[in-house]
C-alpha atoms as a PDB file:
ATOM      1  CA  MET A   1      15.139 -21.201  -0.687  1.00  0.00           C
ATOM      2  CA  LYS A   2      12.195 -23.589  -0.722  1.00  0.00           C
ATOM      3  CA  VAL A   3       9.784 -22.949   2.134  1.00  0.00           C
ATOM      4  CA  ARG A   4       6.497 -24.559   3.148  1.00  0.00           C
ATOM      5  CA  LEU A   5       3.830 -22.081   4.248  1.00  0.00           C
ATOM      6  CA  LYS A   6       1.390 -23.670   6.708  1.00  0.00           C
ATOM      7  CA  LEU A   7      -1.757 -22.124   8.154  1.00  0.00           C
ATOM      8  CA  THR A   8      -3.684 -23.678  11.032  1.00  0.00           C
ATOM      9  CA  LYS A   9      -6.636 -22.508  13.059  1.00  0.00           C
ATOM     10  CA  ASP A  10      -7.788 -24.096  16.308  1.00  0.00           C
ATOM     11  CA  GLY A  11      -5.245 -26.868  15.726  1.00  0.00           C
ATOM     12  CA  THR A  12      -6.658 -27.748  12.296  1.00  0.00           C
ATOM     13  CA  PRO A  13      -4.456 -27.144   9.232  1.00  0.00           C
ATOM     14  CA  PHE A  14      -6.318 -25.413   6.403  1.00  0.00           C
ATOM     15  CA  TYR A  15      -3.511 -24.474   4.006  1.00  0.00           C
ATOM     16  CA  SER A  16      -0.072 -25.840   3.163  1.00  0.00           C
ATOM     17  CA  ALA A  17       2.035 -25.261   0.061  1.00  0.00           C
ATOM     18  CA  ALA A  18       5.703 -25.039  -0.914  1.00  0.00           C
ATOM     19  CA  PHE A  19       7.196 -21.943  -2.525  1.00  0.00           C
ATOM     20  CA  ASP A  20      10.530 -20.441  -3.481  1.00  0.00           C
ATOM     21  CA  MET A  21      10.906 -17.549  -1.033  1.00  0.00           C
ATOM     22  CA  SER A  22      14.269 -16.021  -1.734  1.00  0.00           C
ATOM     23  CA  ASP A  23      13.089 -12.405  -1.580  1.00  0.00           C
ATOM     24  CA  ALA A  24      10.119 -10.168  -0.771  1.00  0.00           C
ATOM     25  CA  ASP A  25       8.486 -10.889  -4.135  1.00  0.00           C
ATOM     26  CA  GLY A  26       8.567 -14.640  -3.470  1.00  0.00           C
ATOM     27  CA  PHE A  27       7.036 -14.093  -0.040  1.00  0.00           C
ATOM     28  CA  GLY A  28       4.330 -11.907  -1.574  1.00  0.00           C
ATOM     29  CA  ARG A  29       3.542 -14.499  -4.266  1.00  0.00           C
ATOM     30  CA  ALA A  30       3.220 -17.209  -1.619  1.00  0.00           C
ATOM     31  CA  TRP A  31       0.719 -15.147   0.376  1.00  0.00           C
ATOM     32  CA  ALA A  32      -1.216 -14.126  -2.744  1.00  0.00           C
ATOM     33  CA  ASN A  33      -1.520 -17.805  -3.656  1.00  0.00           C
ATOM     34  CA  ALA A  34      -2.690 -18.687  -0.136  1.00  0.00           C
ATOM     35  CA  TRP A  35      -5.235 -15.834  -0.194  1.00  0.00           C
ATOM     36  CA  GLU A  36      -6.740 -16.989  -3.503  1.00  0.00           C
ATOM     37  CA  LYS A  37      -6.818 -20.656  -2.462  1.00  0.00           C
ATOM     38  CA  ILE A  38      -8.594 -19.830   0.808  1.00  0.00           C
ATOM     39  CA  LYS A  39     -11.150 -17.729  -1.074  1.00  0.00           C
ATOM     40  CA  GLN A  40     -11.711 -20.438  -3.735  1.00  0.00           C
ATOM     41  CA  ASP A  41     -12.090 -23.162  -1.105  1.00  0.00           C
ATOM     42  CA  ARG A  42     -14.686 -21.067   0.708  1.00  0.00           C
ATOM     43  CA  MET A  43     -16.731 -20.618  -2.470  1.00  0.00           C
ATOM     44  CA  ALA A  44     -16.431 -24.315  -3.383  1.00  0.00           C
ATOM     45  CA  ARG A  45     -18.012 -25.304  -0.051  1.00  0.00           C
ATOM     46  CA  GLU A  46     -21.174 -23.294  -0.719  1.00  0.00           C
ATOM     47  CA  THR A  47     -24.229 -25.323  -1.674  1.00  0.00           C
ATOM     48  CA  SER A  48     -26.009 -22.819  -3.918  1.00  0.00           C
ATOM     49  CA  ILE A  49     -25.420 -19.721  -6.006  1.00  0.00           C
ATOM     50  CA  GLY A  50     -27.378 -17.765  -3.395  1.00  0.00           C
ATOM     51  CA  ALA A  51     -24.938 -18.844  -0.703  1.00  0.00           C
ATOM     52  CA  VAL A  52     -22.013 -17.914  -2.954  1.00  0.00           C
ATOM     53  CA  MET A  53     -23.481 -14.457  -3.529  1.00  0.00           C
ATOM     54  CA  GLU A  54     -24.145 -14.026   0.195  1.00  0.00           C
ATOM     55  CA  HIS A  55     -20.523 -14.796   1.094  1.00  0.00           C
ATOM     56  CA  LEU A  56     -18.881 -13.273  -1.973  1.00  0.00           C
ATOM     57  CA  HIS A  57     -17.668 -10.291  -0.013  1.00  0.00           C
ATOM     58  CA  ASP A  58     -16.671 -12.132   3.151  1.00  0.00           C
ATOM     59  CA  ASP A  59     -13.152 -11.155   3.896  1.00  0.00           C
ATOM     60  CA  VAL A  60     -10.330 -13.679   3.929  1.00  0.00           C
ATOM     61  CA  ILE A  61      -9.023 -11.701   6.893  1.00  0.00           C
ATOM     62  CA  ASP A  62     -11.943 -13.083   8.935  1.00  0.00           C
ATOM     63  CA  GLN A  63     -10.795 -16.600   8.115  1.00  0.00           C
ATOM     64  CA  LEU A  64      -7.171 -15.773   8.925  1.00  0.00           C
ATOM     65  CA  ASN A  65      -8.051 -14.055  12.208  1.00  0.00           C
ATOM     66  CA  GLY A  66      -6.636 -16.261  14.967  1.00  0.00           C
ATOM     67  CA  ALA A  67      -4.767 -18.515  12.540  1.00  0.00           C
ATOM     68  CA  GLN A  68      -1.237 -19.634  13.225  1.00  0.00           C
ATOM     69  CA  ILE A  69       1.360 -19.146  10.504  1.00  0.00           C
ATOM     70  CA  GLY A  70       4.214 -21.571  10.063  1.00  0.00           C
ATOM     71  CA  LEU A  71       7.204 -21.456   7.736  1.00  0.00           C
ATOM     72  CA  GLU A  72       9.368 -24.528   7.312  1.00  0.00           C
ATOM     73  CA  ARG A  73      12.507 -24.768   5.200  1.00  0.00           C
ATOM     74  CA  ILE A  74      12.345 -27.766   2.874  1.00  0.00           C
END
């Protein structure tokens, strides 16, 4: 089934994408995609290579801490 994965934090959405989640593998692929996108977006916001290197090892878990997860059938 097609499902939209939505992530919000403090009322602000920061990730939304549609996936085919018909089994555990589909669910895992959706989360892997979200994880990579969150990490890439974080690096893209940095203003210098020094800032990128400083935050290279920041954990996506820190960004997801307190986030609300939503799944919507589409």
